[in-house]
N, C-alpha and C. Protein backbone atom coordinates (compact mmCIF):
# COMPACT_ATOMS: atom_id res chain seq x y z
N MET A 1 109.31 125.05 92.80
CA MET A 1 108.19 124.29 93.27
C MET A 1 108.27 122.89 92.66
N VAL A 2 107.90 121.92 93.47
CA VAL A 2 107.80 120.54 93.02
C VAL A 2 106.35 120.13 93.18
N ALA A 3 105.76 119.61 92.12
CA ALA A 3 104.34 119.22 92.16
C ALA A 3 104.18 117.85 91.51
N PRO A 4 103.30 117.01 92.07
CA PRO A 4 103.06 115.70 91.45
C PRO A 4 102.42 115.88 90.07
N ASP A 5 102.65 114.92 89.23
CA ASP A 5 102.20 114.97 87.84
C ASP A 5 100.70 115.29 87.72
N TYR A 6 99.89 114.65 88.56
CA TYR A 6 98.44 114.83 88.45
C TYR A 6 97.97 116.24 88.83
N ALA A 7 98.80 117.01 89.57
CA ALA A 7 98.41 118.35 89.98
C ALA A 7 99.24 119.44 89.32
N SER A 8 100.18 119.05 88.49
CA SER A 8 101.15 120.00 87.97
C SER A 8 100.53 121.10 87.11
N GLN A 9 99.56 120.76 86.31
CA GLN A 9 98.97 121.75 85.41
C GLN A 9 98.39 122.93 86.20
N HIS A 10 97.73 122.63 87.29
CA HIS A 10 97.12 123.68 88.10
C HIS A 10 98.15 124.44 88.93
N LEU A 11 99.08 123.71 89.52
CA LEU A 11 100.05 124.34 90.42
C LEU A 11 101.14 125.10 89.69
N MET A 12 101.63 124.57 88.58
CA MET A 12 102.72 125.23 87.87
C MET A 12 102.28 126.59 87.31
N ALA A 13 100.99 126.75 87.06
CA ALA A 13 100.49 128.05 86.58
C ALA A 13 100.69 129.13 87.64
N LEU A 14 100.85 128.73 88.89
CA LEU A 14 101.04 129.68 89.99
C LEU A 14 102.51 130.05 90.21
N VAL A 15 103.41 129.30 89.58
CA VAL A 15 104.84 129.52 89.78
C VAL A 15 105.32 130.65 88.87
N PRO A 16 105.94 131.68 89.45
CA PRO A 16 106.48 132.76 88.60
C PRO A 16 107.53 132.19 87.64
N LYS A 17 107.63 132.80 86.45
CA LYS A 17 108.54 132.30 85.42
C LYS A 17 110.00 132.31 85.86
N HIS A 18 110.35 133.19 86.78
CA HIS A 18 111.75 133.27 87.22
C HIS A 18 112.10 132.21 88.27
N GLN A 19 111.11 131.40 88.69
CA GLN A 19 111.37 130.34 89.66
C GLN A 19 111.31 128.98 88.97
N ALA A 20 112.08 128.05 89.50
CA ALA A 20 112.13 126.70 88.92
C ALA A 20 110.91 125.89 89.34
N GLY A 21 110.46 125.06 88.44
CA GLY A 21 109.37 124.15 88.74
C GLY A 21 109.66 122.78 88.16
N VAL A 22 109.37 121.73 88.93
CA VAL A 22 109.62 120.37 88.48
C VAL A 22 108.34 119.56 88.69
N VAL A 23 107.98 118.80 87.67
CA VAL A 23 106.84 117.90 87.77
C VAL A 23 107.36 116.57 88.34
N LEU A 24 106.79 116.16 89.44
CA LEU A 24 107.19 114.92 90.11
C LEU A 24 106.50 113.75 89.42
N LYS A 25 107.29 112.89 88.80
CA LYS A 25 106.74 111.73 88.09
C LYS A 25 107.08 110.47 88.88
N PHE A 26 106.05 109.69 89.12
CA PHE A 26 106.24 108.47 89.89
C PHE A 26 106.67 107.33 88.98
N ALA A 27 107.49 106.44 89.52
CA ALA A 27 107.98 105.29 88.76
C ALA A 27 106.86 104.27 88.59
N GLY A 28 106.91 103.56 87.52
CA GLY A 28 105.93 102.51 87.28
C GLY A 28 106.32 101.24 88.03
N ALA A 29 105.40 100.30 88.07
CA ALA A 29 105.66 99.03 88.75
C ALA A 29 105.68 97.87 87.76
N ASP A 30 105.82 98.17 86.47
CA ASP A 30 105.76 97.12 85.44
C ASP A 30 106.79 96.01 85.65
N ASP A 31 108.02 96.39 85.98
CA ASP A 31 109.07 95.38 86.19
C ASP A 31 108.75 94.49 87.39
N HIS A 32 108.20 95.08 88.43
CA HIS A 32 107.86 94.33 89.64
C HIS A 32 106.69 93.36 89.38
N ILE A 33 105.73 93.84 88.62
CA ILE A 33 104.59 93.00 88.25
C ILE A 33 105.05 91.83 87.39
N GLU A 34 105.95 92.12 86.46
CA GLU A 34 106.48 91.06 85.58
C GLU A 34 107.27 90.04 86.38
N LEU A 35 108.02 90.49 87.36
CA LEU A 35 108.79 89.59 88.22
C LEU A 35 107.85 88.61 88.93
N ILE A 36 106.77 89.11 89.48
CA ILE A 36 105.80 88.24 90.15
C ILE A 36 105.13 87.31 89.15
N ARG A 37 104.75 87.85 88.02
CA ARG A 37 104.07 87.05 86.99
C ARG A 37 104.95 85.88 86.54
N ASN A 38 106.25 86.05 86.53
CA ASN A 38 107.17 85.01 86.05
C ASN A 38 107.59 84.00 87.11
N LEU A 39 107.08 84.14 88.33
CA LEU A 39 107.44 83.18 89.38
C LEU A 39 106.86 81.80 89.04
N ALA A 40 107.69 80.79 89.12
CA ALA A 40 107.26 79.43 88.76
C ALA A 40 106.39 78.80 89.84
N GLU A 41 106.60 79.19 91.09
CA GLU A 41 105.87 78.58 92.20
C GLU A 41 105.17 79.65 93.03
N ALA A 42 104.17 79.22 93.78
CA ALA A 42 103.52 80.12 94.73
C ALA A 42 104.58 80.64 95.69
N SER A 43 104.53 81.94 95.96
CA SER A 43 105.59 82.55 96.76
C SER A 43 105.03 83.45 97.84
N MET A 44 105.89 83.71 98.82
CA MET A 44 105.57 84.66 99.88
C MET A 44 106.25 85.98 99.52
N ILE A 45 105.45 87.00 99.30
CA ILE A 45 105.93 88.29 98.82
C ILE A 45 105.56 89.36 99.84
N ALA A 46 106.46 90.31 100.05
CA ALA A 46 106.18 91.40 100.98
C ALA A 46 106.60 92.72 100.37
N MET A 47 106.03 93.77 100.91
CA MET A 47 106.46 95.12 100.60
C MET A 47 106.81 95.76 101.94
N ALA A 48 108.00 96.34 102.04
CA ALA A 48 108.46 96.96 103.28
C ALA A 48 108.69 98.45 103.05
N SER A 49 108.21 99.25 104.00
CA SER A 49 108.35 100.69 103.90
C SER A 49 108.10 101.33 105.26
N VAL A 50 108.55 102.55 105.42
CA VAL A 50 108.20 103.34 106.60
C VAL A 50 106.90 104.11 106.34
N SER A 51 106.36 104.01 105.14
CA SER A 51 105.16 104.75 104.74
C SER A 51 103.94 103.85 104.63
N PRO A 52 102.92 104.04 105.49
CA PRO A 52 101.69 103.27 105.36
C PRO A 52 101.00 103.52 104.01
N THR A 53 101.11 104.73 103.50
CA THR A 53 100.48 105.06 102.22
C THR A 53 101.12 104.28 101.09
N LEU A 54 102.44 104.18 101.08
CA LEU A 54 103.12 103.41 100.04
C LEU A 54 102.72 101.93 100.12
N LEU A 55 102.61 101.41 101.32
CA LEU A 55 102.22 100.01 101.47
C LEU A 55 100.82 99.75 100.92
N LYS A 56 99.91 100.66 101.21
CA LYS A 56 98.53 100.52 100.72
C LYS A 56 98.49 100.61 99.19
N THR A 57 99.20 101.60 98.65
CA THR A 57 99.25 101.77 97.19
C THR A 57 99.92 100.57 96.53
N GLY A 58 101.02 100.12 97.11
CA GLY A 58 101.74 98.96 96.56
C GLY A 58 100.89 97.71 96.53
N GLN A 59 100.13 97.49 97.59
CA GLN A 59 99.25 96.32 97.62
C GLN A 59 98.20 96.41 96.52
N SER A 60 97.67 97.60 96.31
CA SER A 60 96.68 97.79 95.25
C SER A 60 97.27 97.55 93.87
N LEU A 61 98.50 98.02 93.65
CA LEU A 61 99.16 97.83 92.36
C LEU A 61 99.46 96.36 92.08
N LEU A 62 99.85 95.64 93.11
CA LEU A 62 100.27 94.25 92.92
C LEU A 62 99.12 93.24 93.01
N ALA A 63 97.99 93.65 93.57
CA ALA A 63 96.87 92.72 93.82
C ALA A 63 96.47 91.89 92.60
N PRO A 64 96.32 92.50 91.42
CA PRO A 64 95.89 91.68 90.27
C PRO A 64 96.85 90.54 89.93
N VAL A 65 98.13 90.76 90.07
CA VAL A 65 99.10 89.72 89.71
C VAL A 65 99.32 88.73 90.88
N LEU A 66 99.07 89.18 92.11
CA LEU A 66 99.21 88.28 93.26
C LEU A 66 98.11 87.23 93.26
N GLY A 67 96.90 87.67 92.98
CA GLY A 67 95.76 86.76 92.97
C GLY A 67 95.69 85.94 94.24
N ARG A 68 95.26 84.70 94.10
CA ARG A 68 95.20 83.77 95.24
C ARG A 68 96.42 82.86 95.28
N ARG A 69 97.26 83.00 94.28
CA ARG A 69 98.42 82.11 94.16
C ARG A 69 99.52 82.45 95.17
N HIS A 70 99.75 83.74 95.37
CA HIS A 70 100.84 84.18 96.22
C HIS A 70 100.31 84.75 97.53
N THR A 71 101.15 84.69 98.56
CA THR A 71 100.84 85.31 99.84
C THR A 71 101.52 86.66 99.89
N PHE A 72 100.79 87.69 100.33
CA PHE A 72 101.34 89.04 100.38
C PHE A 72 101.27 89.58 101.80
N ARG A 73 102.33 90.27 102.18
CA ARG A 73 102.42 90.85 103.52
C ARG A 73 102.95 92.26 103.41
N LYS A 74 102.29 93.19 104.09
CA LYS A 74 102.79 94.56 104.19
C LYS A 74 103.59 94.65 105.48
N VAL A 75 104.78 95.25 105.40
CA VAL A 75 105.64 95.38 106.57
C VAL A 75 105.92 96.87 106.79
N LEU A 76 105.28 97.42 107.81
CA LEU A 76 105.52 98.81 108.18
C LEU A 76 106.72 98.85 109.11
N LEU A 77 107.75 99.51 108.66
CA LEU A 77 109.00 99.54 109.41
C LEU A 77 109.05 100.74 110.36
N PRO A 78 109.71 100.55 111.49
CA PRO A 78 109.95 101.71 112.36
C PRO A 78 111.04 102.57 111.74
N LEU A 79 111.13 103.81 112.16
CA LEU A 79 112.15 104.69 111.59
C LEU A 79 113.57 104.26 111.95
N ARG A 80 113.70 103.50 113.01
CA ARG A 80 115.01 102.98 113.41
C ARG A 80 114.91 101.47 113.57
N GLY A 81 115.99 100.80 113.35
CA GLY A 81 116.00 99.36 113.54
C GLY A 81 116.04 98.60 112.22
N HIS A 82 115.83 97.30 112.32
CA HIS A 82 115.88 96.42 111.16
C HIS A 82 114.72 95.45 111.20
N ALA A 83 114.44 94.84 110.07
CA ALA A 83 113.42 93.81 109.98
C ALA A 83 114.05 92.58 109.35
N ASP A 84 113.91 91.45 110.01
CA ASP A 84 114.44 90.20 109.47
C ASP A 84 113.32 89.50 108.71
N LEU A 85 113.41 89.54 107.40
CA LEU A 85 112.38 88.96 106.53
C LEU A 85 112.96 87.85 105.67
N ARG A 86 113.95 87.15 106.19
CA ARG A 86 114.63 86.12 105.41
C ARG A 86 113.74 84.94 105.07
N GLY A 87 112.61 84.79 105.73
CA GLY A 87 111.71 83.68 105.42
C GLY A 87 110.83 83.93 104.21
N LEU A 88 110.87 85.15 103.67
CA LEU A 88 110.03 85.50 102.53
C LEU A 88 110.80 85.31 101.22
N ASP A 89 110.07 85.06 100.15
CA ASP A 89 110.71 84.82 98.86
C ASP A 89 111.17 86.10 98.18
N ILE A 90 110.34 87.15 98.22
CA ILE A 90 110.68 88.44 97.61
C ILE A 90 110.17 89.54 98.53
N VAL A 91 111.01 90.54 98.74
CA VAL A 91 110.58 91.71 99.51
C VAL A 91 110.88 92.95 98.68
N PHE A 92 109.82 93.68 98.33
CA PHE A 92 109.97 94.96 97.64
C PHE A 92 110.20 96.03 98.69
N CYS A 93 111.27 96.79 98.52
CA CYS A 93 111.65 97.80 99.51
C CYS A 93 111.79 99.17 98.84
N ASP A 94 111.27 100.20 99.48
CA ASP A 94 111.55 101.55 99.00
C ASP A 94 112.96 101.93 99.43
N THR A 95 113.39 103.10 99.06
CA THR A 95 114.78 103.50 99.30
C THR A 95 115.12 103.52 100.78
N LEU A 96 114.22 104.00 101.63
CA LEU A 96 114.50 104.02 103.06
C LEU A 96 114.55 102.62 103.66
N ALA A 97 113.77 101.72 103.13
CA ALA A 97 113.70 100.36 103.67
C ALA A 97 114.89 99.49 103.26
N MET A 98 115.51 99.79 102.15
CA MET A 98 116.59 98.91 101.64
C MET A 98 117.64 98.56 102.70
N PRO A 99 118.22 99.53 103.41
CA PRO A 99 119.24 99.14 104.39
C PRO A 99 118.66 98.56 105.68
N MET A 100 117.36 98.67 105.87
CA MET A 100 116.73 98.23 107.11
C MET A 100 116.24 96.78 107.07
N VAL A 101 116.13 96.23 105.86
CA VAL A 101 115.54 94.90 105.69
C VAL A 101 116.63 93.87 105.42
N ARG A 102 116.53 92.77 106.15
CA ARG A 102 117.39 91.62 105.91
C ARG A 102 116.54 90.53 105.28
N CYS A 103 116.93 90.13 104.08
CA CYS A 103 116.23 89.03 103.41
C CYS A 103 117.10 88.52 102.27
N ASN A 104 116.70 87.41 101.70
CA ASN A 104 117.50 86.79 100.64
C ASN A 104 117.28 87.42 99.28
N ASN A 105 116.11 88.01 99.05
CA ASN A 105 115.80 88.57 97.74
C ASN A 105 115.07 89.90 97.88
N LYS A 106 115.85 90.96 98.04
CA LYS A 106 115.32 92.32 98.14
C LYS A 106 115.25 92.92 96.76
N VAL A 107 114.13 93.59 96.46
CA VAL A 107 113.97 94.28 95.19
C VAL A 107 113.68 95.74 95.50
N HIS A 108 114.50 96.61 94.96
CA HIS A 108 114.37 98.04 95.23
C HIS A 108 113.23 98.63 94.40
N TYR A 109 112.28 99.26 95.10
CA TYR A 109 111.22 100.00 94.42
C TYR A 109 111.50 101.48 94.58
N ARG A 110 111.70 102.15 93.46
CA ARG A 110 111.93 103.59 93.47
C ARG A 110 110.62 104.30 93.21
N LEU A 111 110.18 105.07 94.19
CA LEU A 111 108.90 105.75 94.08
C LEU A 111 108.90 106.80 92.98
N VAL A 112 110.02 107.51 92.85
CA VAL A 112 110.12 108.59 91.87
C VAL A 112 110.91 108.11 90.67
N ALA A 113 110.42 108.42 89.46
CA ALA A 113 111.09 108.01 88.23
C ALA A 113 112.50 108.58 88.17
N THR A 114 113.42 107.82 87.62
CA THR A 114 114.83 108.20 87.58
C THR A 114 115.05 109.54 86.88
N GLY A 115 114.43 109.77 85.75
CA GLY A 115 114.58 111.04 85.04
C GLY A 115 114.12 112.22 85.87
N CYS A 116 113.11 112.00 86.68
CA CYS A 116 112.61 113.05 87.56
C CYS A 116 113.63 113.38 88.64
N LEU A 117 114.34 112.37 89.13
CA LEU A 117 115.39 112.61 90.12
C LEU A 117 116.49 113.49 89.54
N ASP A 118 116.82 113.29 88.27
CA ASP A 118 117.81 114.14 87.62
C ASP A 118 117.33 115.58 87.56
N ASP A 119 116.04 115.77 87.27
CA ASP A 119 115.46 117.11 87.22
C ASP A 119 115.51 117.78 88.59
N LEU A 120 115.16 117.02 89.63
CA LEU A 120 115.20 117.57 90.99
C LEU A 120 116.63 117.94 91.38
N ASP A 121 117.58 117.10 90.99
CA ASP A 121 118.98 117.38 91.27
C ASP A 121 119.41 118.69 90.62
N ALA A 122 119.00 118.91 89.39
CA ALA A 122 119.35 120.16 88.70
C ALA A 122 118.76 121.36 89.39
N VAL A 123 117.52 121.26 89.83
CA VAL A 123 116.87 122.40 90.49
C VAL A 123 117.54 122.69 91.82
N PHE A 124 117.75 121.66 92.63
CA PHE A 124 118.32 121.90 93.95
C PHE A 124 119.79 122.31 93.88
N GLU A 125 120.50 121.80 92.90
CA GLU A 125 121.90 122.16 92.73
C GLU A 125 122.04 123.64 92.40
N TYR A 126 121.11 124.17 91.62
CA TYR A 126 121.21 125.55 91.17
C TYR A 126 120.27 126.51 91.90
N ALA A 127 119.46 126.00 92.81
CA ALA A 127 118.49 126.87 93.48
C ALA A 127 119.07 127.57 94.70
N GLY A 128 120.17 127.06 95.23
CA GLY A 128 120.75 127.64 96.43
C GLY A 128 120.93 129.14 96.33
N PRO A 129 122.15 129.60 96.09
CA PRO A 129 122.39 131.03 96.03
C PRO A 129 121.94 131.65 94.71
N ARG A 130 121.63 130.83 93.72
CA ARG A 130 121.23 131.35 92.41
C ARG A 130 119.72 131.47 92.33
N SER A 131 119.27 132.05 91.28
CA SER A 131 117.83 132.24 91.10
C SER A 131 117.18 130.99 90.52
N GLY A 132 115.85 130.93 90.59
CA GLY A 132 115.11 129.85 89.95
C GLY A 132 115.33 129.84 88.46
N GLU A 133 115.59 131.01 87.89
CA GLU A 133 115.83 131.09 86.45
C GLU A 133 117.08 130.30 86.07
N ALA A 134 118.13 130.39 86.91
CA ALA A 134 119.35 129.63 86.65
C ALA A 134 119.06 128.13 86.72
N ALA A 135 118.21 127.73 87.67
CA ALA A 135 117.84 126.32 87.78
C ALA A 135 117.06 125.87 86.55
N ASN A 136 116.17 126.71 86.05
CA ASN A 136 115.41 126.37 84.84
C ASN A 136 116.32 126.21 83.64
N VAL A 137 117.33 127.08 83.53
CA VAL A 137 118.29 126.99 82.43
C VAL A 137 119.05 125.67 82.52
N GLU A 138 119.52 125.32 83.73
CA GLU A 138 120.26 124.07 83.91
C GLU A 138 119.36 122.87 83.62
N LEU A 139 118.11 122.92 84.05
CA LEU A 139 117.17 121.84 83.80
C LEU A 139 116.98 121.64 82.29
N SER A 140 116.80 122.71 81.56
CA SER A 140 116.66 122.63 80.10
C SER A 140 117.92 122.07 79.46
N ARG A 141 119.07 122.50 79.93
CA ARG A 141 120.35 122.02 79.40
C ARG A 141 120.49 120.51 79.59
N ARG A 142 120.15 120.03 80.78
CA ARG A 142 120.26 118.60 81.06
C ARG A 142 119.27 117.79 80.22
N ARG A 143 118.06 118.28 80.06
CA ARG A 143 117.07 117.57 79.24
C ARG A 143 117.52 117.49 77.80
N ASN A 144 118.07 118.58 77.26
CA ASN A 144 118.56 118.58 75.88
C ASN A 144 119.72 117.62 75.70
N ARG A 145 120.59 117.54 76.72
CA ARG A 145 121.73 116.63 76.65
C ARG A 145 121.26 115.17 76.63
N LYS A 146 120.18 114.85 77.37
CA LYS A 146 119.64 113.49 77.37
C LYS A 146 119.09 113.09 76.02
N ARG A 147 118.48 114.05 75.31
CA ARG A 147 117.87 113.77 74.00
C ARG A 147 118.93 113.54 72.93
N SER A 148 120.11 114.10 73.12
CA SER A 148 121.18 113.99 72.11
C SER A 148 121.77 112.62 72.07
């Protein structure tokens, strides 16, 4: 089972011990906020995604640093095709949007924290023909290796 961090305590209690469980941790936006904060001039900034929810959340996260100084645009992308955003100064793109957007300064926004992706990889790699218990063992092994 994969559960978001805010719901994990309640949901993981329902997962049998022999099955794998991963807490989904979302990546922070600190680097993106700092990038905007360090801009010397007023800029045109966009966020591009196929997800309306991500665009709404992203706008809320960036609003305090955007203020009235910068112009912000949400770009909802179709599932197929490309968007030409070369007239914008910075475009934050999620993983699906990266190959779809053409612009001079694309910044990749990863929704899920990198360490969490490693955990998901361990679970899915070992969850196939093996039991959830094997995935839990591999997950623990990988976490211990990171700490060393």
